[in-house]
């Protein structure tokens, strides 16, 4: 049987009527159609940034791809970045045009993640706070009284108290992202410090609802205000699909519409029809703002959450080994060999 091929923007597209992935409720064609019609809205958030994608091959689990394979078309821009973690240079793709999106869609790239830095200048674009509700929260996180929406209001208040304004979008998963565009001369360290201070201020407004505890077991069922999305950290791009049932989309909702948002209804099949020619993200994203010096100075006094959590994980490992030694020396040896302090951290954050 001959392989069916379609061509759009000069890109050959194959197997478009196959299911995108198990449980997707959508086909590969749905993904490609979405990327084509949404390209003009997606590309401003992707252009000039190292692109990481989440791909799903048939019958396999999703995986994140950062390094552009050698077989990729020569017309896709490549951005070489040295990875200190893997001790090698990674050739990231940069998505600057619709055909790049369509080529990735044909590769079953469902999710599109970018850094908060533009390249190669390493200019900070946004301060980002990622609101992550507990797994058990279910649909109770949404609506006026939902936990994640109420936490977003805390962040909104913390921003207003600092003289700042942010834009809000769904993550396409279970949480929300709040972005504050910052002045081009903002340093990475100052942006990270301001993010920590804003997270701490928001959580302090209602400590029973929100927390900045990086270690998952310390959150006590509260919404995690994640302030670690800085520097080289990535964020799912606005309008990017997510590799989840129904293929939901990271969608701008606006502060006025936050109480009424139903994320499950914002999918690759529904979003284009909801928007028409409108682009709510460009309409609601504030102008770039200068971070208040007092906020930055406060943030520099707050330890980096990831580093602090690693130290705490090691401390807990030593304490557990000590307790085991007092009870059973053999058990203490087993614990010391088996326990990894990183296991104490939130796997989603690491």
Protein backbone atom coordinates (compact mmCIF):
# COMPACT_ATOMS: atom_id res chain seq x y z
CA UNK A 1 0.00 0.00 0.00
CA UNK A 2 1.47 3.36 -1.02
CA UNK A 3 2.25 5.84 1.70
CA UNK A 4 -0.08 8.86 1.69
CA UNK A 5 1.83 12.13 1.66
CA UNK A 6 0.58 15.70 1.87
CA UNK A 7 2.75 18.76 1.36
CA UNK A 8 2.28 22.08 3.16
CA UNK A 9 4.78 24.95 3.13
CA UNK A 10 7.11 22.58 1.29
CA UNK A 11 7.04 20.05 4.15
CA UNK A 12 6.05 16.46 3.46
CA UNK A 13 3.49 15.22 5.99
CA UNK A 14 2.76 11.53 6.48
CA UNK A 15 0.31 9.30 8.38
CA UNK A 16 -1.88 12.25 9.25
CA UNK A 17 -4.92 10.14 10.06
CA UNK A 18 -3.16 8.02 12.66
CA UNK A 19 -4.04 8.51 16.33
CA UNK A 20 -1.61 11.04 17.78
CA UNK A 21 -0.93 8.91 20.87
CA UNK A 22 -2.85 6.49 23.07
CA UNK A 23 -5.68 8.35 24.79
CA UNK A 24 -5.15 11.54 22.80
CA UNK A 25 -8.65 11.69 21.36
CA UNK A 26 -7.01 13.40 18.37
CA UNK A 27 -5.09 12.49 15.24
CA UNK A 28 -1.76 13.61 13.91
CA UNK A 29 -3.76 15.67 11.40
CA UNK A 30 -5.44 17.52 14.27
CA UNK A 31 -2.00 18.47 15.59
CA UNK A 32 -0.64 19.56 12.22
CA UNK A 33 -3.80 21.52 11.38
CA UNK A 34 -3.54 23.28 14.74
CA UNK A 35 0.13 24.18 14.27
CA UNK A 36 -0.58 25.54 10.81
CA UNK A 37 -3.50 27.74 11.79
CA UNK A 38 -1.89 28.88 15.05
CA UNK A 39 1.62 29.51 13.70
CA UNK A 40 1.25 33.30 13.60
CA UNK A 41 0.29 33.32 17.29
CA UNK A 42 2.82 30.72 18.45
CA UNK A 43 5.92 31.95 16.63
CA UNK A 44 6.40 35.26 18.50
CA UNK A 45 6.92 33.25 21.70
CA UNK A 46 9.25 30.74 20.02
CA UNK A 47 11.38 32.90 17.75
CA UNK A 48 14.94 33.55 18.89
CA UNK A 49 14.82 30.97 21.70
CA UNK A 50 16.31 27.47 22.05
CA UNK A 51 13.44 25.06 21.39
CA UNK A 52 12.85 21.81 23.24
CA UNK A 53 9.98 19.57 22.15
CA UNK A 54 8.14 16.62 23.63
CA UNK A 55 7.61 13.91 21.03
CA UNK A 56 5.53 10.72 21.17
CA UNK A 57 6.31 7.86 18.84
CA UNK A 58 3.51 5.30 18.30
CA UNK A 59 3.31 2.89 21.20
CA UNK A 60 6.10 4.62 23.15
CA UNK A 61 6.12 7.01 26.11
CA UNK A 62 6.70 10.72 25.51
CA UNK A 63 10.28 12.00 25.54
CA UNK A 64 11.85 15.46 25.44
CA UNK A 65 14.14 16.23 22.52
CA UNK A 66 16.57 19.12 22.74
CA UNK A 67 19.26 18.20 20.25
CA UNK A 68 18.13 18.63 16.65
CA UNK A 69 18.92 15.38 14.80
CA UNK A 70 21.42 15.51 11.91
CA UNK A 71 18.67 14.34 9.55
CA UNK A 72 16.63 17.50 10.16
CA UNK A 73 16.29 19.84 7.16
CA UNK A 74 19.16 22.28 6.70
CA UNK A 75 16.72 25.20 6.58
CA UNK A 76 15.84 24.84 10.28
CA UNK A 77 17.98 27.37 12.20
CA UNK A 78 20.31 25.76 14.72
CA UNK A 79 21.55 27.33 17.92
CA UNK A 80 24.60 25.66 19.52
CA UNK A 81 24.46 25.74 23.34
CA UNK A 82 26.97 24.13 25.68
CA UNK A 83 25.32 21.82 28.21
CA UNK A 84 27.19 21.69 31.51
CA UNK A 85 24.97 18.77 32.59
CA UNK A 86 25.82 16.47 29.67
CA UNK A 87 29.23 18.06 28.93
CA UNK A 88 28.53 18.52 25.25
CA UNK A 89 27.25 21.05 22.79
CA UNK A 90 23.55 20.76 21.95
CA UNK A 91 22.24 21.99 18.61
CA UNK A 92 18.86 23.44 19.52
CA UNK A 93 16.34 24.27 16.84
CA UNK A 94 14.88 27.76 16.62
CA UNK A 95 11.31 27.98 15.31
CA UNK A 96 11.05 31.12 13.23
CA UNK A 97 8.57 30.11 10.53
CA UNK A 98 5.48 27.92 9.98
CA UNK A 99 7.31 25.20 8.05
CA UNK A 100 9.55 24.54 11.08
CA UNK A 101 6.44 23.99 13.20
CA UNK A 102 4.94 21.69 10.57
CA UNK A 103 8.15 19.69 10.29
CA UNK A 104 8.14 19.17 14.05
CA UNK A 105 4.44 18.30 13.95
CA UNK A 106 5.19 15.61 11.38
CA UNK A 107 7.80 14.27 13.81
CA UNK A 108 4.99 13.99 16.39
CA UNK A 109 6.35 16.86 18.46
CA UNK A 110 3.32 17.71 20.60
CA UNK A 111 4.79 20.14 23.16
CA UNK A 112 6.97 23.22 22.53
CA UNK A 113 9.13 24.53 25.38
CA UNK A 114 11.36 27.62 25.39
CA UNK A 115 13.73 29.33 27.79
CA UNK A 116 12.97 32.66 29.46
CA UNK A 117 16.14 33.92 27.74
CA UNK A 118 16.46 34.94 24.13
CA UNK A 119 19.58 33.77 22.30
CA UNK A 120 22.37 34.33 21.71
CA UNK A 121 22.21 37.55 23.77
CA UNK A 122 20.87 35.73 26.87
CA UNK A 123 18.45 38.58 27.47
CA UNK A 124 15.82 37.92 30.15
CA UNK A 125 12.30 38.25 28.77
CA UNK A 126 10.07 37.44 31.72
CA UNK A 127 9.84 36.76 35.40
CA UNK A 128 7.75 33.58 35.66
CA UNK A 129 5.77 32.07 38.51
CA UNK A 130 4.43 28.55 37.91
CA UNK A 131 1.46 27.53 40.07
CA UNK A 132 1.37 23.79 40.65
CA UNK A 133 -1.61 22.42 42.62
CA UNK A 134 -1.42 19.05 44.37
CA UNK A 135 -2.34 15.96 42.39
CA UNK A 136 -5.33 15.20 44.63
CA UNK A 137 -6.92 18.57 44.02
CA UNK A 138 -8.95 17.45 40.99
CA UNK A 139 -11.34 19.91 39.40
CA UNK A 140 -11.65 21.76 42.73
CA UNK A 141 -8.60 23.80 41.71
CA UNK A 142 -10.65 25.72 39.11
CA UNK A 143 -13.41 28.31 39.35
CA UNK A 144 -13.65 31.34 41.61
CA UNK A 145 -13.10 29.27 44.75
CA UNK A 146 -10.58 26.84 43.25
CA UNK A 147 -7.21 26.59 44.92
CA UNK A 148 -5.06 27.38 41.88
CA UNK A 149 -7.22 30.37 40.91
CA UNK A 150 -7.15 31.74 44.46
CA UNK A 151 -3.36 31.32 44.48
CA UNK A 152 -3.15 33.23 41.21
CA UNK A 153 -4.97 36.08 42.92
CA UNK A 154 -2.31 36.03 45.65
CA UNK A 155 0.39 36.42 43.00
CA UNK A 156 -1.62 39.19 41.35
CA UNK A 157 -1.76 41.00 44.69
CA UNK A 158 1.97 40.50 45.32
CA UNK A 159 2.70 41.94 41.87
CA UNK A 160 0.42 44.92 42.46
CA UNK A 161 2.08 45.60 45.83
CA UNK A 162 5.43 45.72 44.00
CA UNK A 163 4.06 48.00 41.26
CA UNK A 164 4.14 45.25 38.63
CA UNK A 165 1.62 43.71 36.24
CA UNK A 166 1.64 40.18 34.85
CA UNK A 167 -0.24 38.08 32.32
CA UNK A 168 -1.72 34.68 33.10
CA UNK A 169 -2.18 31.53 31.04
CA UNK A 170 -3.07 27.94 31.70
CA UNK A 171 -0.16 25.51 31.69
CA UNK A 172 -2.13 23.10 29.52
CA UNK A 173 -1.87 20.70 32.44
CA UNK A 174 -3.13 21.26 35.98
CA UNK A 175 -1.72 24.68 36.81
CA UNK A 176 -1.22 28.28 35.74
CA UNK A 177 1.72 30.36 34.56
CA UNK A 178 2.08 34.05 35.39
CA UNK A 179 4.57 36.03 33.30
CA UNK A 180 5.92 39.53 33.95
CA UNK A 181 7.84 41.03 31.00
CA UNK A 182 10.96 42.76 32.31
CA UNK A 183 13.34 45.45 31.02
CA UNK A 184 15.95 44.17 28.53
CA UNK A 185 18.87 45.07 30.81
CA UNK A 186 17.57 42.87 33.66
CA UNK A 187 20.26 40.42 34.73
CA UNK A 188 19.61 36.72 35.17
CA UNK A 189 20.51 36.91 38.88
CA UNK A 190 18.20 39.86 39.53
CA UNK A 191 15.32 38.25 37.66
CA UNK A 192 15.75 35.06 39.67
CA UNK A 193 15.91 37.04 42.91
CA UNK A 194 12.75 38.98 42.10
CA UNK A 195 10.97 35.72 41.26
CA UNK A 196 11.89 34.26 44.65
CA UNK A 197 10.71 37.40 46.44
CA UNK A 198 7.39 37.48 44.59
CA UNK A 199 6.79 33.80 45.32
CA UNK A 200 7.54 34.29 49.01
CA UNK A 201 5.30 37.36 49.21
CA UNK A 202 2.41 35.58 47.50
CA UNK A 203 2.65 32.53 49.76
CA UNK A 204 2.84 34.75 52.85
CA UNK A 205 -0.54 36.28 51.98
CA UNK A 206 -2.22 32.91 52.66
CA UNK A 207 0.19 30.28 54.04
CA UNK A 208 -2.61 27.72 54.34
CA UNK A 209 -3.30 27.91 50.62
CA UNK A 210 0.11 28.44 49.00
CA UNK A 211 3.71 27.45 49.64
CA UNK A 212 7.16 27.87 48.16
CA UNK A 213 8.34 24.52 49.59
CA UNK A 214 10.40 22.86 46.86
CA UNK A 215 10.33 19.43 48.51
CA UNK A 216 7.02 17.86 47.58
CA UNK A 217 6.41 16.18 50.94
CA UNK A 218 6.66 19.57 52.66
CA UNK A 219 3.80 21.17 50.72
CA UNK A 220 1.01 19.76 52.83
CA UNK A 221 -1.58 19.73 50.07
CA UNK A 222 -1.00 23.41 49.24
CA UNK A 223 -0.42 24.99 45.84
CA UNK A 224 3.29 25.22 45.03
CA UNK A 225 4.36 28.69 43.88
CA UNK A 226 7.37 27.64 41.80
CA UNK A 227 9.95 30.42 41.52
CA UNK A 228 12.64 28.34 39.78
CA UNK A 229 11.73 29.21 36.18
CA UNK A 230 14.68 31.49 35.56
CA UNK A 231 18.00 31.45 33.74
CA UNK A 232 18.13 28.45 31.44
CA UNK A 233 14.91 26.89 32.76
CA UNK A 234 12.22 26.15 30.19
CA UNK A 235 8.53 26.96 30.07
CA UNK A 236 5.85 25.53 27.83
CA UNK A 237 5.16 28.16 25.18
CA UNK A 238 1.88 30.01 24.94
CA UNK A 239 -0.57 28.13 22.70
CA UNK A 240 1.57 24.99 22.80
CA UNK A 241 -0.37 21.71 22.90
CA UNK A 242 0.36 19.30 25.75
CA UNK A 243 0.80 15.54 25.52
CA UNK A 244 -2.22 14.73 27.66
CA UNK A 245 -5.65 13.23 27.02
CA UNK A 246 -7.62 15.52 24.74
CA UNK A 247 -4.42 17.40 23.77
CA UNK A 248 -5.11 20.55 25.81
CA UNK A 249 -3.36 23.84 25.06
CA UNK A 250 -1.45 26.34 27.20
CA UNK A 251 -3.90 29.17 26.74
CA UNK A 252 -4.02 32.85 27.82
CA UNK A 253 -7.06 33.48 29.98
CA UNK A 254 -6.66 37.02 31.29
CA UNK A 255 -7.29 38.09 34.86
CA UNK A 256 -10.93 38.98 34.14
CA UNK A 257 -11.67 35.50 32.77
CA UNK A 258 -9.69 33.52 35.32
CA UNK A 259 -12.70 32.57 37.45
CA UNK A 260 -14.51 31.01 34.49
CA UNK A 261 -11.71 29.07 32.80
CA UNK A 262 -12.20 25.34 32.15
CA UNK A 263 -8.78 24.10 30.92
CA UNK A 264 -10.11 20.76 29.67
CA UNK A 265 -12.16 22.65 27.08
CA UNK A 266 -9.10 24.39 25.61
CA UNK A 267 -7.73 21.84 23.13
CA UNK A 268 -6.17 21.66 19.68
CA UNK A 269 -9.63 21.03 18.29
CA UNK A 270 -11.45 23.88 20.06
CA UNK A 271 -8.97 26.74 20.44
CA UNK A 272 -8.76 27.90 16.79
CA UNK A 273 -12.54 28.25 16.67
CA UNK A 274 -12.58 30.17 19.94
CA UNK A 275 -10.06 32.72 18.72
CA UNK A 276 -10.92 33.51 15.13
CA UNK A 277 -8.41 36.20 14.15
CA UNK A 278 -7.93 37.33 17.76
CA UNK A 279 -4.69 36.87 19.74
CA UNK A 280 -5.49 37.36 23.45
CA UNK A 281 -1.88 36.81 24.53
CA UNK A 282 -0.46 39.72 22.57
CA UNK A 283 -3.45 41.80 23.69
CA UNK A 284 -2.97 41.12 27.41
CA UNK A 285 0.82 40.80 27.77
CA UNK A 286 2.01 43.98 29.53
CA UNK A 287 4.90 46.14 28.41
CA UNK A 288 8.35 45.36 29.78
CA UNK A 289 8.82 46.66 33.32
CA UNK A 290 11.77 47.52 35.50
CA UNK A 291 11.98 45.41 38.64
CA UNK A 292 11.87 47.44 41.89
CA UNK A 293 15.24 47.51 43.62
CA UNK A 294 13.68 46.63 46.98
CA UNK A 295 12.09 43.50 45.50
CA UNK A 296 15.36 42.40 43.94
CA UNK A 297 17.31 43.06 47.14
CA UNK A 298 14.77 41.04 49.14
CA UNK A 299 15.06 38.16 46.70
CA UNK A 300 18.84 38.06 47.01
CA UNK A 301 18.40 37.24 50.70
CA UNK A 302 16.24 34.19 49.88
CA UNK A 303 18.13 30.95 49.19
CA UNK A 304 17.75 29.32 45.78
CA UNK A 305 14.99 26.74 46.29
CA UNK A 306 16.61 23.93 44.30
CA UNK A 307 19.94 24.29 46.06
CA UNK A 308 18.32 24.59 49.47
CA UNK A 309 16.25 21.47 48.80
CA UNK A 310 19.32 19.48 47.78
CA UNK A 311 21.04 20.39 51.05
CA UNK A 312 17.90 19.53 52.97
CA UNK A 313 17.64 16.20 51.17
CA UNK A 314 21.20 15.35 52.18
CA UNK A 315 20.52 16.43 55.77
CA UNK A 316 17.46 14.20 55.93
CA UNK A 317 19.41 11.30 54.51
CA UNK A 318 22.04 11.67 57.22
CA UNK A 319 19.36 11.98 59.91
CA UNK A 320 17.55 8.87 58.63
CA UNK A 321 20.81 6.92 58.55
CA UNK A 322 21.57 8.04 62.09
CA UNK A 323 18.16 6.94 63.34
CA UNK A 324 18.53 3.60 61.57
CA UNK A 325 22.00 3.13 63.03
CA UNK A 326 20.66 3.57 66.50
CA UNK A 327 17.98 0.95 65.81
CA UNK A 328 19.75 -1.49 63.48
CA UNK A 329 23.29 -0.98 62.11
CA UNK A 330 22.66 -3.31 59.12
CA UNK A 331 19.55 -1.38 58.13
CA UNK A 332 21.49 1.87 58.35
CA UNK A 333 24.04 0.57 55.82
CA UNK A 334 21.26 -0.44 53.42
CA UNK A 335 19.63 2.97 53.75
CA UNK A 336 22.86 4.81 53.16
CA UNK A 337 23.47 2.87 49.94
CA UNK A 338 19.92 3.06 48.57
CA UNK A 339 18.65 6.52 49.37
CA UNK A 340 19.29 9.28 46.86
CA UNK A 341 18.72 12.79 48.21
CA UNK A 342 17.21 13.82 44.85
CA UNK A 343 14.36 11.39 45.51
CA UNK A 344 13.16 13.76 48.23
CA UNK A 345 12.54 16.40 45.60
CA UNK A 346 9.52 16.82 43.40
CA UNK A 347 10.17 14.62 40.34
CA UNK A 348 8.22 17.07 38.18
CA UNK A 349 10.55 19.88 39.19
CA UNK A 350 13.77 17.93 38.70
